[in-house]
Amino acid sequence: MKIDIIILMMLLCSEAIAASAHWSGIFLINDGVYSDDLGQYFFDGNIRGEHGNRAAIISTFYGHEENGCFYMKHADFSMESMEPTYNWWAFALCGDIVGEENFSSLKHIEDFYGNDKYTGGALVENPNDFYMAFKVSEVLKDSSGYYAGETWYGWVHVSIDEDLKMTLLGDGINLYGGAVTVGATPEPTSGLLLLVGGTLLALRRRREMV
């Protein structure tokens, strides 16, 4: 009986989540370290909203050391990619609540469009352990060109070692488009909790009647 309950709960939870929203998670690739202490890092991920809309995290960062400090830049693909993406990144602290109201006030990671990746950029205060918040939007198109549609907010926790290799320590996103708490995985929705709770109650009553 217990096994049946567990299986049913798993099926209901998976169906509820699939019917609402989904994301692949963040994948990090270290694309190499170059002769002038320049590191390249690539983030990839896909988000599908509850109405079937989709956004892609396709972000390349370059980081370099200068006078004992570490700086980062974000390569903006929104103007030059065959499939434009809308990704924005900023530094954040663990516990920060990041969303539409305050994302623009965060310390953003400088975007660039050409080859100017060897100088300047945003200073990383503690390369060994830091958080970045991201804002990603679906890309829509009309007669006037591309524009941003629905938006999601999330975060990554990363570290950079002395060889300029980046390690992904954690990530999270609010799949329902609202603010996200940096460093915390969003809780299940109230609707999902009610669904699971109602299922357990029904199964309990059924067992009592048998």
Foldseek 3Di string as FASTA:
>chain_A
DVVVLVVVLVVLLVVVDVLAKDKDDKDKDWPDADDQQKTKMWIWMKIAGNVRFIAIRTWMKIWGDDPNWIFMAIEQCQVPDPQHWDKWKAWDAQQDWDADVCPVVGHTWHYDHDPPRHDDTHTDPAQAKTKMKMKTFGWDADPVGIDGDQIWIKMWIWHADPSRDIDTDDMEIDSHRGIDRHPDHDDDDPVSVVVSVVSVVVVVVVVVVD
